[in-house]
């Protein structure tokens, strides 16, 4: 699990939600969201969409550091 996946999962779990809830908020399939979160080359527009929907559901925001690759 990469950093962004862990952060999203933690934020959702803290509110009793699952990844499918975030996918529904984004109007996409859960499998599509899963691929987005695993991507090593995420587009900025995708990152903003994930963040905006996560904030709406949980009140928690992602940071640039969350999107950085492990080094």
PDB file of N, CA and C in Angstrom:
ATOM      1  N   UNK A   1       0.855  -1.175   0.000  1.00  0.00           N
ATOM      2  CA  UNK A   1       0.000   0.000   0.000  1.00  0.00           C
ATOM      3  C   UNK A   1       0.900   1.236   0.000  1.00  0.00           C
ATOM      4  N   UNK A   2       0.650   2.136  -0.949  1.00  0.00           N
ATOM      5  CA  UNK A   2       1.459   3.343  -1.000  1.00  0.00           C
ATOM      6  C   UNK A   2       0.906   4.401  -0.031  1.00  0.00           C
ATOM      7  N   UNK A   3       1.606   5.488   0.069  1.00  0.00           N
ATOM      8  CA  UNK A   3       1.262   6.536   1.030  1.00  0.00           C
ATOM      9  C   UNK A   3      -0.131   7.117   0.787  1.00  0.00           C
ATOM     10  N   UNK A   4      -0.482   7.368  -0.472  1.00  0.00           N
ATOM     11  CA  UNK A   4      -1.778   7.972  -0.783  1.00  0.00           C
ATOM     12  C   UNK A   4      -2.909   6.994  -0.460  1.00  0.00           C
ATOM     13  N   UNK A   5      -2.709   5.720  -0.771  1.00  0.00           N
ATOM     14  CA  UNK A   5      -3.722   4.718  -0.445  1.00  0.00           C
ATOM     15  C   UNK A   5      -3.932   4.645   1.064  1.00  0.00           C
ATOM     16  N   UNK A   6      -2.844   4.660   1.817  1.00  0.00           N
ATOM     17  CA  UNK A   6      -2.934   4.581   3.276  1.00  0.00           C
ATOM     18  C   UNK A   6      -3.646   5.795   3.859  1.00  0.00           C
ATOM     19  N   UNK A   7      -3.327   6.975   3.349  1.00  0.00           N
ATOM     20  CA  UNK A   7      -3.949   8.202   3.853  1.00  0.00           C
ATOM     21  C   UNK A   7      -5.448   8.211   3.558  1.00  0.00           C
ATOM     22  N   UNK A   8      -5.821   7.818   2.344  1.00  0.00           N
ATOM     23  CA  UNK A   8      -7.237   7.781   1.968  1.00  0.00           C
ATOM     24  C   UNK A   8      -7.972   6.761   2.836  1.00  0.00           C
ATOM     25  N   UNK A   9      -7.382   5.577   2.994  1.00  0.00           N
ATOM     26  CA  UNK A   9      -8.015   4.532   3.800  1.00  0.00           C
ATOM     27  C   UNK A   9      -8.201   4.992   5.245  1.00  0.00           C
ATOM     28  N   UNK A  10      -7.196   5.620   5.814  1.00  0.00           N
ATOM     29  CA  UNK A  10      -7.279   6.106   7.190  1.00  0.00           C
ATOM     30  C   UNK A  10      -8.377   7.152   7.334  1.00  0.00           C
ATOM     31  N   UNK A  11      -8.437   8.085   6.393  1.00  0.00           N
ATOM     32  CA  UNK A  11      -9.454   9.137   6.445  1.00  0.00           C
ATOM     33  C   UNK A  11     -10.858   8.540   6.342  1.00  0.00           C
ATOM     34  N   UNK A  12     -11.034   7.609   5.425  1.00  0.00           N
ATOM     35  CA  UNK A  12     -12.347   6.988   5.248  1.00  0.00           C
ATOM     36  C   UNK A  12     -12.742   6.159   6.466  1.00  0.00           C
ATOM     37  N   UNK A  13     -11.813   5.353   6.954  1.00  0.00           N
ATOM     38  CA  UNK A  13     -12.088   4.489   8.099  1.00  0.00           C
ATOM     39  C   UNK A  13     -12.459   5.302   9.332  1.00  0.00           C
ATOM     40  N   UNK A  14     -11.844   6.457   9.494  1.00  0.00           N
ATOM     41  CA  UNK A  14     -12.139   7.295  10.659  1.00  0.00           C
ATOM     42  C   UNK A  14     -13.591   7.763  10.688  1.00  0.00           C
ATOM     43  N   UNK A  15     -14.242   7.748   9.533  1.00  0.00           N
ATOM     44  CA  UNK A  15     -15.648   8.162   9.437  1.00  0.00           C
ATOM     45  C   UNK A  15     -16.570   6.978   9.172  1.00  0.00           C
ATOM     46  N   UNK A  16     -16.014   5.752   9.263  1.00  0.00           N
ATOM     47  CA  UNK A  16     -16.822   4.559   9.032  1.00  0.00           C
ATOM     48  C   UNK A  16     -17.179   4.338   7.578  1.00  0.00           C
ATOM     49  N   UNK A  17     -16.353   4.856   6.692  1.00  0.00           N
ATOM     50  CA  UNK A  17     -16.592   4.742   5.256  1.00  0.00           C
ATOM     51  C   UNK A  17     -15.589   3.783   4.626  1.00  0.00           C
ATOM     52  N   UNK A  18     -15.858   3.407   3.392  1.00  0.00           N
ATOM     53  CA  UNK A  18     -14.953   2.547   2.638  1.00  0.00           C
ATOM     54  C   UNK A  18     -14.620   3.209   1.304  1.00  0.00           C
ATOM     55  N   UNK A  19     -13.678   2.615   0.589  1.00  0.00           N
ATOM     56  CA  UNK A  19     -13.234   3.174  -0.687  1.00  0.00           C
ATOM     57  C   UNK A  19     -14.389   3.297  -1.677  1.00  0.00           C
ATOM     58  N   UNK A  20     -15.331   2.380  -1.629  1.00  0.00           N
ATOM     59  CA  UNK A  20     -16.493   2.443  -2.516  1.00  0.00           C
ATOM     60  C   UNK A  20     -17.317   3.703  -2.293  1.00  0.00           C
ATOM     61  N   UNK A  21     -17.361   4.183  -1.053  1.00  0.00           N
ATOM     62  CA  UNK A  21     -18.086   5.426  -0.762  1.00  0.00           C
ATOM     63  C   UNK A  21     -17.420   6.613  -1.458  1.00  0.00           C
ATOM     64  N   UNK A  22     -16.094   6.624  -1.430  1.00  0.00           N
ATOM     65  CA  UNK A  22     -15.354   7.688  -2.116  1.00  0.00           C
ATOM     66  C   UNK A  22     -15.562   7.590  -3.621  1.00  0.00           C
ATOM     67  N   UNK A  23     -15.533   6.391  -4.148  1.00  0.00           N
ATOM     68  CA  UNK A  23     -15.747   6.194  -5.587  1.00  0.00           C
ATOM     69  C   UNK A  23     -17.123   6.709  -5.995  1.00  0.00           C
ATOM     70  N   UNK A  24     -18.152   6.395  -5.205  1.00  0.00           N
ATOM     71  CA  UNK A  24     -19.503   6.893  -5.505  1.00  0.00           C
ATOM     72  C   UNK A  24     -19.541   8.418  -5.470  1.00  0.00           C
ATOM     73  N   UNK A  25     -18.858   9.017  -4.509  1.00  0.00           N
ATOM     74  CA  UNK A  25     -18.796  10.480  -4.409  1.00  0.00           C
ATOM     75  C   UNK A  25     -18.147  11.073  -5.665  1.00  0.00           C
ATOM     76  N   UNK A  26     -17.193  10.332  -6.224  1.00  0.00           N
ATOM     77  CA  UNK A  26     -16.484  10.790  -7.415  1.00  0.00           C
ATOM     78  C   UNK A  26     -17.210  10.403  -8.704  1.00  0.00           C
ATOM     79  N   UNK A  27     -18.289   9.629  -8.593  1.00  0.00           N
ATOM     80  CA  UNK A  27     -19.067   9.139  -9.739  1.00  0.00           C
ATOM     81  C   UNK A  27     -18.239   8.253 -10.659  1.00  0.00           C
ATOM     82  N   UNK A  28     -17.434   7.367 -10.048  1.00  0.00           N
ATOM     83  CA  UNK A  28     -16.633   6.410 -10.797  1.00  0.00           C
ATOM     84  C   UNK A  28     -16.772   5.040 -10.136  1.00  0.00           C
ATOM     85  N   UNK A  29     -16.317   4.006 -10.836  1.00  0.00           N
ATOM     86  CA  UNK A  29     -16.298   2.657 -10.273  1.00  0.00           C
ATOM     87  C   UNK A  29     -15.199   2.552  -9.225  1.00  0.00           C
ATOM     88  N   UNK A  30     -15.411   1.664  -8.263  1.00  0.00           N
ATOM     89  CA  UNK A  30     -14.421   1.440  -7.221  1.00  0.00           C
ATOM     90  C   UNK A  30     -13.106   0.937  -7.814  1.00  0.00           C
ATOM     91  N   UNK A  31     -13.184   0.115  -8.842  1.00  0.00           N
ATOM     92  CA  UNK A  31     -11.962  -0.405  -9.475  1.00  0.00           C
ATOM     93  C   UNK A  31     -11.165   0.716 -10.157  1.00  0.00           C
ATOM     94  N   UNK A  32     -11.873   1.690 -10.700  1.00  0.00           N
ATOM     95  CA  UNK A  32     -11.204   2.842 -11.317  1.00  0.00           C
ATOM     96  C   UNK A  32     -10.477   3.656 -10.257  1.00  0.00           C
ATOM     97  N   UNK A  33     -11.139   3.878  -9.126  1.00  0.00           N
ATOM     98  CA  UNK A  33     -10.497   4.613  -8.030  1.00  0.00           C
ATOM     99  C   UNK A  33      -9.272   3.861  -7.534  1.00  0.00           C
ATOM    100  N   UNK A  34      -9.379   2.556  -7.402  1.00  0.00           N
ATOM    101  CA  UNK A  34      -8.255   1.747  -6.947  1.00  0.00           C
ATOM    102  C   UNK A  34      -7.057   1.911  -7.880  1.00  0.00           C
ATOM    103  N   UNK A  35      -7.295   1.884  -9.183  1.00  0.00           N
ATOM    104  CA  UNK A  35      -6.202   2.076 -10.153  1.00  0.00           C
ATOM    105  C   UNK A  35      -5.612   3.484 -10.027  1.00  0.00           C
ATOM    106  N   UNK A  36      -6.472   4.474  -9.816  1.00  0.00           N
ATOM    107  CA  UNK A  36      -5.982   5.845  -9.664  1.00  0.00           C
ATOM    108  C   UNK A  36      -5.049   5.961  -8.461  1.00  0.00           C
ATOM    109  N   UNK A  37      -5.461   5.355  -7.347  1.00  0.00           N
ATOM    110  CA  UNK A  37      -4.677   5.456  -6.124  1.00  0.00           C
ATOM    111  C   UNK A  37      -3.355   4.709  -6.220  1.00  0.00           C
ATOM    112  N   UNK A  38      -3.278   3.684  -7.063  1.00  0.00           N
ATOM    113  CA  UNK A  38      -2.053   2.906  -7.234  1.00  0.00           C
ATOM    114  C   UNK A  38      -1.102   3.538  -8.241  1.00  0.00           C
ATOM    115  N   UNK A  39      -1.594   4.500  -9.004  1.00  0.00           N
ATOM    116  CA  UNK A  39      -0.806   5.095 -10.078  1.00  0.00           C
ATOM    117  C   UNK A  39       0.433   5.803  -9.537  1.00  0.00           C
ATOM    118  N   UNK A  40       1.547   5.585 -10.210  1.00  0.00           N
ATOM    119  CA  UNK A  40       2.784   6.280  -9.858  1.00  0.00           C
ATOM    120  C   UNK A  40       2.923   7.598 -10.608  1.00  0.00           C
ATOM    121  N   UNK A  41       1.982   7.864 -11.506  1.00  0.00           N
ATOM    122  CA  UNK A  41       2.071   9.065 -12.336  1.00  0.00           C
ATOM    123  C   UNK A  41       0.687   9.715 -12.432  1.00  0.00           C
ATOM    124  N   UNK A  42       0.118  10.056 -11.287  1.00  0.00           N
ATOM    125  CA  UNK A  42      -1.229  10.607 -11.227  1.00  0.00           C
ATOM    126  C   UNK A  42      -1.262  12.036 -11.784  1.00  0.00           C
ATOM    127  N   UNK A  43      -2.286  12.311 -12.571  1.00  0.00           N
ATOM    128  CA  UNK A  43      -2.470  13.664 -13.086  1.00  0.00           C
ATOM    129  C   UNK A  43      -2.942  14.580 -11.968  1.00  0.00           C
ATOM    130  N   UNK A  44      -2.581  15.839 -12.068  1.00  0.00           N
ATOM    131  CA  UNK A  44      -2.956  16.812 -11.050  1.00  0.00           C
ATOM    132  C   UNK A  44      -4.473  16.915 -10.925  1.00  0.00           C
ATOM    133  N   UNK A  45      -5.182  16.853 -12.040  1.00  0.00           N
ATOM    134  CA  UNK A  45      -6.643  16.950 -11.988  1.00  0.00           C
ATOM    135  C   UNK A  45      -7.245  15.773 -11.224  1.00  0.00           C
ATOM    136  N   UNK A  46      -6.642  14.595 -11.345  1.00  0.00           N
ATOM    137  CA  UNK A  46      -7.105  13.424 -10.604  1.00  0.00           C
ATOM    138  C   UNK A  46      -6.838  13.607  -9.121  1.00  0.00           C
ATOM    139  N   UNK A  47      -5.669  14.111  -8.786  1.00  0.00           N
ATOM    140  CA  UNK A  47      -5.326  14.353  -7.381  1.00  0.00           C
ATOM    141  C   UNK A  47      -6.300  15.348  -6.757  1.00  0.00           C
ATOM    142  N   UNK A  48      -6.627  16.405  -7.483  1.00  0.00           N
ATOM    143  CA  UNK A  48      -7.577  17.397  -6.968  1.00  0.00           C
ATOM    144  C   UNK A  48      -8.965  16.794  -6.778  1.00  0.00           C
ATOM    145  N   UNK A  49      -9.397  15.967  -7.724  1.00  0.00           N
ATOM    146  CA  UNK A  49     -10.709  15.334  -7.621  1.00  0.00           C
ATOM    147  C   UNK A  49     -10.779  14.420  -6.405  1.00  0.00           C
ATOM    148  N   UNK A  50      -9.758  13.585  -6.228  1.00  0.00           N
ATOM    149  CA  UNK A  50      -9.721  12.697  -5.064  1.00  0.00           C
ATOM    150  C   UNK A  50      -9.751  13.524  -3.786  1.00  0.00           C
ATOM    151  N   UNK A  51      -8.920  14.537  -3.720  1.00  0.00           N
ATOM    152  CA  UNK A  51      -8.861  15.370  -2.520  1.00  0.00           C
ATOM    153  C   UNK A  51     -10.192  16.057  -2.245  1.00  0.00           C
ATOM    154  N   UNK A  52     -10.778  16.674  -3.249  1.00  0.00           N
ATOM    155  CA  UNK A  52     -12.032  17.399  -3.056  1.00  0.00           C
ATOM    156  C   UNK A  52     -13.139  16.478  -2.549  1.00  0.00           C
ATOM    157  N   UNK A  53     -13.239  15.301  -3.120  1.00  0.00           N
ATOM    158  CA  UNK A  53     -14.278  14.353  -2.698  1.00  0.00           C
ATOM    159  C   UNK A  53     -13.983  13.792  -1.310  1.00  0.00           C
ATOM    160  N   UNK A  54     -12.709  13.569  -1.003  1.00  0.00           N
ATOM    161  CA  UNK A  54     -12.340  13.090   0.324  1.00  0.00           C
ATOM    162  C   UNK A  54     -12.678  14.137   1.385  1.00  0.00           C
ATOM    163  N   UNK A  55     -12.425  15.393   1.084  1.00  0.00           N
ATOM    164  CA  UNK A  55     -12.762  16.475   2.016  1.00  0.00           C
ATOM    165  C   UNK A  55     -14.268  16.531   2.241  1.00  0.00           C
ATOM    166  N   UNK A  56     -15.042  16.395   1.178  1.00  0.00           N
ATOM    167  CA  UNK A  56     -16.499  16.421   1.318  1.00  0.00           C
ATOM    168  C   UNK A  56     -16.996  15.301   2.223  1.00  0.00           C
ATOM    169  N   UNK A  57     -16.402  14.120   2.089  1.00  0.00           N
ATOM    170  CA  UNK A  57     -16.850  12.964   2.872  1.00  0.00           C
ATOM    171  C   UNK A  57     -16.315  12.948   4.300  1.00  0.00           C
ATOM    172  N   UNK A  58     -15.062  13.349   4.474  1.00  0.00           N
ATOM    173  CA  UNK A  58     -14.406  13.146   5.769  1.00  0.00           C
ATOM    174  C   UNK A  58     -13.937  14.423   6.457  1.00  0.00           C
ATOM    175  N   UNK A  59     -13.830  15.498   5.713  1.00  0.00           N
ATOM    176  CA  UNK A  59     -13.281  16.727   6.288  1.00  0.00           C
ATOM    177  C   UNK A  59     -11.761  16.714   6.338  1.00  0.00           C
ATOM    178  N   UNK A  60     -11.135  15.647   5.842  1.00  0.00           N
ATOM    179  CA  UNK A  60      -9.680  15.537   5.848  1.00  0.00           C
ATOM    180  C   UNK A  60      -9.139  15.785   4.446  1.00  0.00           C
ATOM    181  N   UNK A  61      -8.022  16.493   4.389  1.00  0.00           N
ATOM    182  CA  UNK A  61      -7.424  16.864   3.115  1.00  0.00           C
ATOM    183  C   UNK A  61      -6.096  16.149   2.919  1.00  0.00           C
ATOM    184  N   UNK A  62      -5.740  15.910   1.672  1.00  0.00           N
ATOM    185  CA  UNK A  62      -4.452  15.332   1.329  1.00  0.00           C
ATOM    186  C   UNK A  62      -3.439  16.454   1.126  1.00  0.00           C
ATOM    187  N   UNK A  63      -2.173  16.135   1.317  1.00  0.00           N
ATOM    188  CA  UNK A  63      -1.111  17.117   1.113  1.00  0.00           C
ATOM    189  C   UNK A  63      -0.217  16.660  -0.027  1.00  0.00           C
ATOM    190  N   UNK A  64       0.615  17.544  -0.495  1.00  0.00           N
ATOM    191  CA  UNK A  64       1.575  17.198  -1.533  1.00  0.00           C
ATOM    192  C   UNK A  64       2.457  16.033  -1.074  1.00  0.00           C
ATOM    193  N   UNK A  65       2.817  16.031   0.178  1.00  0.00           N
ATOM    194  CA  UNK A  65       3.668  14.974   0.728  1.00  0.00           C
ATOM    195  C   UNK A  65       3.012  13.597   0.590  1.00  0.00           C
ATOM    196  N   UNK A  66       1.696  13.542   0.685  1.00  0.00           N
ATOM    197  CA  UNK A  66       0.971  12.280   0.537  1.00  0.00           C
ATOM    198  C   UNK A  66       1.147  11.686  -0.865  1.00  0.00           C
ATOM    199  N   UNK A  67       1.363  12.531  -1.851  1.00  0.00           N
ATOM    200  CA  UNK A  67       1.495  12.084  -3.232  1.00  0.00           C
ATOM    201  C   UNK A  67       2.934  11.772  -3.631  1.00  0.00           C
ATOM    202  N   UNK A  68       3.890  12.091  -2.787  1.00  0.00           N
ATOM    203  CA  UNK A  68       5.290  11.818  -3.112  1.00  0.00           C
ATOM    204  C   UNK A  68       5.574  10.329  -3.062  1.00  0.00           C
ATOM    205  N   UNK A  69       6.467   9.897  -3.942  1.00  0.00           N
ATOM    206  CA  UNK A  69       6.902   8.504  -3.955  1.00  0.00           C
ATOM    207  C   UNK A  69       7.817   8.263  -2.756  1.00  0.00           C
ATOM    208  N   UNK A  70       7.824   7.033  -2.259  1.00  0.00           N
ATOM    209  CA  UNK A  70       8.772   6.664  -1.209  1.00  0.00           C
ATOM    210  C   UNK A  70      10.165   6.692  -1.804  1.00  0.00           C
ATOM    211  N   UNK A  71      11.084   7.274  -1.106  1.00  0.00           N
ATOM    212  CA  UNK A  71      12.463   7.358  -1.605  1.00  0.00           C
ATOM    213  C   UNK A  71      13.404   6.684  -0.662  1.00  0.00           C
TER     214      UNK A  71
END
